[in-house]
Amino acid sequence: MHYDLLIITNAPIPTHLFTNINFLVVGEEQILVSPYATNHKLTFDYLIFSNPQTVAKIDLLRDNTTIITNYYLQTSLSHIFAIGDCNQSSRLCHQQTINSL
């Protein structure tokens, strides 16, 4: 199944922010097998994730275990966004999501 936005996290996400978007929030058992698909055959245009294991097989810019992001939490692949501890932010996942939209 294809989604405009796939969110892979176990953290609480304020889903009311994503009205009028074809999105899905799934747990961290999903991992990327390519830059646009998961191991459970979900495809997407944009991804938000919180666990670095989700993208372990994807070539993203990293500094040791930290995934490098810009101010908008965008990784080196423009359609993938990292929230939570993996980007070394001091904010909680839901605060990062709210403040970056």
C-alpha atoms as a PDB file:
ATOM      1  CA  MET A   1       0.000   0.000   0.000  1.00  0.00           C
ATOM      2  CA  HIS A   2       1.240   3.512  -0.818  1.00  0.00           C
ATOM      3  CA  TYR A   3       1.054   6.561   1.493  1.00  0.00           C
ATOM      4  CA  ASP A   4       1.897  10.206   1.018  1.00  0.00           C
ATOM      5  CA  LEU A   5       3.421  10.190   4.504  1.00  0.00           C
ATOM      6  CA  LEU A   6       4.579   7.225   6.560  1.00  0.00           C
ATOM      7  CA  ILE A   7       5.474   7.781  10.212  1.00  0.00           C
ATOM      8  CA  ILE A   8       7.496   5.000  11.847  1.00  0.00           C
ATOM      9  CA  THR A   9       7.717   5.493  15.594  1.00  0.00           C
ATOM     10  CA  ASN A  10       6.557   4.159  18.934  1.00  0.00           C
ATOM     11  CA  ALA A  11       6.376   7.723  20.275  1.00  0.00           C
ATOM     12  CA  PRO A  12       3.048   9.539  20.561  1.00  0.00           C
ATOM     13  CA  ILE A  13       2.420  11.659  17.470  1.00  0.00           C
ATOM     14  CA  PRO A  14      -0.303  14.353  17.233  1.00  0.00           C
ATOM     15  CA  THR A  15      -2.044  12.899  14.173  1.00  0.00           C
ATOM     16  CA  HIS A  16      -4.594  15.732  14.027  1.00  0.00           C
ATOM     17  CA  LEU A  17      -1.831  17.744  12.315  1.00  0.00           C
ATOM     18  CA  PHE A  18      -2.016  15.524   9.251  1.00  0.00           C
ATOM     19  CA  THR A  19      -5.584  16.082   8.058  1.00  0.00           C
ATOM     20  CA  ASN A  20      -6.219  15.781   4.325  1.00  0.00           C
ATOM     21  CA  ILE A  21      -3.038  13.727   3.911  1.00  0.00           C
ATOM     22  CA  ASN A  22      -2.929  10.039   3.085  1.00  0.00           C
ATOM     23  CA  PHE A  23      -0.751   8.979   6.043  1.00  0.00           C
ATOM     24  CA  LEU A  24      -0.127   6.028   8.318  1.00  0.00           C
ATOM     25  CA  VAL A  25       1.563   5.757  11.716  1.00  0.00           C
ATOM     26  CA  VAL A  26       3.189   2.369  12.349  1.00  0.00           C
ATOM     27  CA  GLY A  27       5.439   0.910  15.010  1.00  0.00           C
ATOM     28  CA  GLU A  28       9.168   0.485  14.817  1.00  0.00           C
ATOM     29  CA  GLU A  29       8.972  -3.086  13.524  1.00  0.00           C
ATOM     30  CA  GLN A  30       8.959  -1.480  10.067  1.00  0.00           C
ATOM     31  CA  ILE A  31      12.398  -0.950   8.550  1.00  0.00           C
ATOM     32  CA  LEU A  32      13.367   0.491   5.203  1.00  0.00           C
ATOM     33  CA  VAL A  33      14.572  -1.890   2.529  1.00  0.00           C
ATOM     34  CA  SER A  34      14.923   0.942   0.005  1.00  0.00           C
ATOM     35  CA  PRO A  35      14.620   4.729   0.246  1.00  0.00           C
ATOM     36  CA  TYR A  36      10.875   4.463  -0.573  1.00  0.00           C
ATOM     37  CA  ALA A  37       9.733   1.078   0.818  1.00  0.00           C
ATOM     38  CA  THR A  38       9.570  -0.902   4.073  1.00  0.00           C
ATOM     39  CA  ASN A  39      10.062  -4.573   4.824  1.00  0.00           C
ATOM     40  CA  HIS A  40       6.235  -4.906   5.028  1.00  0.00           C
ATOM     41  CA  LYS A  41       5.790  -3.577   1.473  1.00  0.00           C
ATOM     42  CA  LEU A  42       4.584  -0.118   2.471  1.00  0.00           C
ATOM     43  CA  THR A  43       5.669   2.584   0.048  1.00  0.00           C
ATOM     44  CA  PHE A  44       5.620   6.318   0.645  1.00  0.00           C
ATOM     45  CA  ASP A  45       6.525   9.738  -0.679  1.00  0.00           C
ATOM     46  CA  TYR A  46       7.716  11.093   2.690  1.00  0.00           C
ATOM     47  CA  LEU A  47       8.916   9.393   5.861  1.00  0.00           C
ATOM     48  CA  ILE A  48       9.214  10.529   9.480  1.00  0.00           C
ATOM     49  CA  PHE A  49      11.033   8.110  11.797  1.00  0.00           C
ATOM     50  CA  SER A  50      12.441   8.106  15.326  1.00  0.00           C
ATOM     51  CA  ASN A  51      14.555   4.955  15.579  1.00  0.00           C
ATOM     52  CA  PRO A  52      17.863   4.854  13.671  1.00  0.00           C
ATOM     53  CA  GLN A  53      17.396   1.110  13.102  1.00  0.00           C
ATOM     54  CA  THR A  54      14.511   2.000  10.787  1.00  0.00           C
ATOM     55  CA  VAL A  55      17.008   3.405   8.269  1.00  0.00           C
ATOM     56  CA  ALA A  56      20.034   1.250   9.084  1.00  0.00           C
ATOM     57  CA  LYS A  57      20.214  -0.067   5.486  1.00  0.00           C
ATOM     58  CA  ILE A  58      19.742   3.365   3.904  1.00  0.00           C
ATOM     59  CA  ASP A  59      22.655   5.600   2.967  1.00  0.00           C
ATOM     60  CA  LEU A  60      22.082   8.735   5.079  1.00  0.00           C
ATOM     61  CA  LEU A  61      24.629  11.273   6.256  1.00  0.00           C
ATOM     62  CA  ARG A  62      25.700  10.300   9.791  1.00  0.00           C
ATOM     63  CA  ASP A  63      28.146  11.417  12.456  1.00  0.00           C
ATOM     64  CA  ASN A  64      28.814   8.174  14.316  1.00  0.00           C
ATOM     65  CA  THR A  65      25.310   7.174  15.503  1.00  0.00           C
ATOM     66  CA  THR A  66      23.745  10.611  15.003  1.00  0.00           C
ATOM     67  CA  ILE A  67      21.737  11.111  11.837  1.00  0.00           C
ATOM     68  CA  ILE A  68      22.527  14.553  10.468  1.00  0.00           C
ATOM     69  CA  THR A  69      19.475  16.747   9.838  1.00  0.00           C
ATOM     70  CA  ASN A  70      18.828  20.343   8.932  1.00  0.00           C
ATOM     71  CA  TYR A  71      16.670  22.811  10.880  1.00  0.00           C
ATOM     72  CA  TYR A  72      13.532  21.102   9.534  1.00  0.00           C
ATOM     73  CA  LEU A  73      14.733  17.632  10.655  1.00  0.00           C
ATOM     74  CA  GLN A  74      15.318  16.676   7.011  1.00  0.00           C
ATOM     75  CA  THR A  75      18.036  14.099   6.428  1.00  0.00           C
ATOM     76  CA  SER A  76      20.424  13.938   3.493  1.00  0.00           C
ATOM     77  CA  LEU A  77      17.564  12.313   1.549  1.00  0.00           C
ATOM     78  CA  SER A  78      15.080  15.148   1.121  1.00  0.00           C
ATOM     79  CA  HIS A  79      11.966  13.008   1.669  1.00  0.00           C
ATOM     80  CA  ILE A  80      13.138  11.438   4.969  1.00  0.00           C
ATOM     81  CA  PHE A  81      12.877  13.237   8.324  1.00  0.00           C
ATOM     82  CA  ALA A  82      14.450  12.114  11.617  1.00  0.00           C
ATOM     83  CA  ILE A  83      12.826  12.940  14.951  1.00  0.00           C
ATOM     84  CA  GLY A  84      13.781  11.951  18.468  1.00  0.00           C
ATOM     85  CA  ASP A  85      17.109  10.928  19.951  1.00  0.00           C
ATOM     86  CA  CYS A  86      18.627   9.850  16.634  1.00  0.00           C
ATOM     87  CA  ASN A  87      19.132  13.508  15.620  1.00  0.00           C
ATOM     88  CA  GLN A  88      20.477  14.534  19.060  1.00  0.00           C
ATOM     89  CA  SER A  89      17.666  17.008  19.715  1.00  0.00           C
ATOM     90  CA  SER A  90      16.836  17.813  23.316  1.00  0.00           C
ATOM     91  CA  ARG A  91      13.119  17.988  22.420  1.00  0.00           C
ATOM     92  CA  LEU A  92      10.685  15.086  22.662  1.00  0.00           C
ATOM     93  CA  CYS A  93       9.389  13.546  19.430  1.00  0.00           C
ATOM     94  CA  HIS A  94       5.982  15.227  19.592  1.00  0.00           C
ATOM     95  CA  GLN A  95       7.609  18.615  20.259  1.00  0.00           C
ATOM     96  CA  GLN A  96       9.896  18.191  17.256  1.00  0.00           C
ATOM     97  CA  THR A  97       6.958  17.314  15.022  1.00  0.00           C
ATOM     98  CA  ILE A  98       4.814  20.232  16.180  1.00  0.00           C
ATOM     99  CA  ASN A  99       7.605  22.801  15.972  1.00  0.00           C
ATOM    100  CA  SER A 100       8.839  21.697  12.560  1.00  0.00           C
ATOM    101  CA  LEU A 101       5.482  21.944  10.791  1.00  0.00           C
END
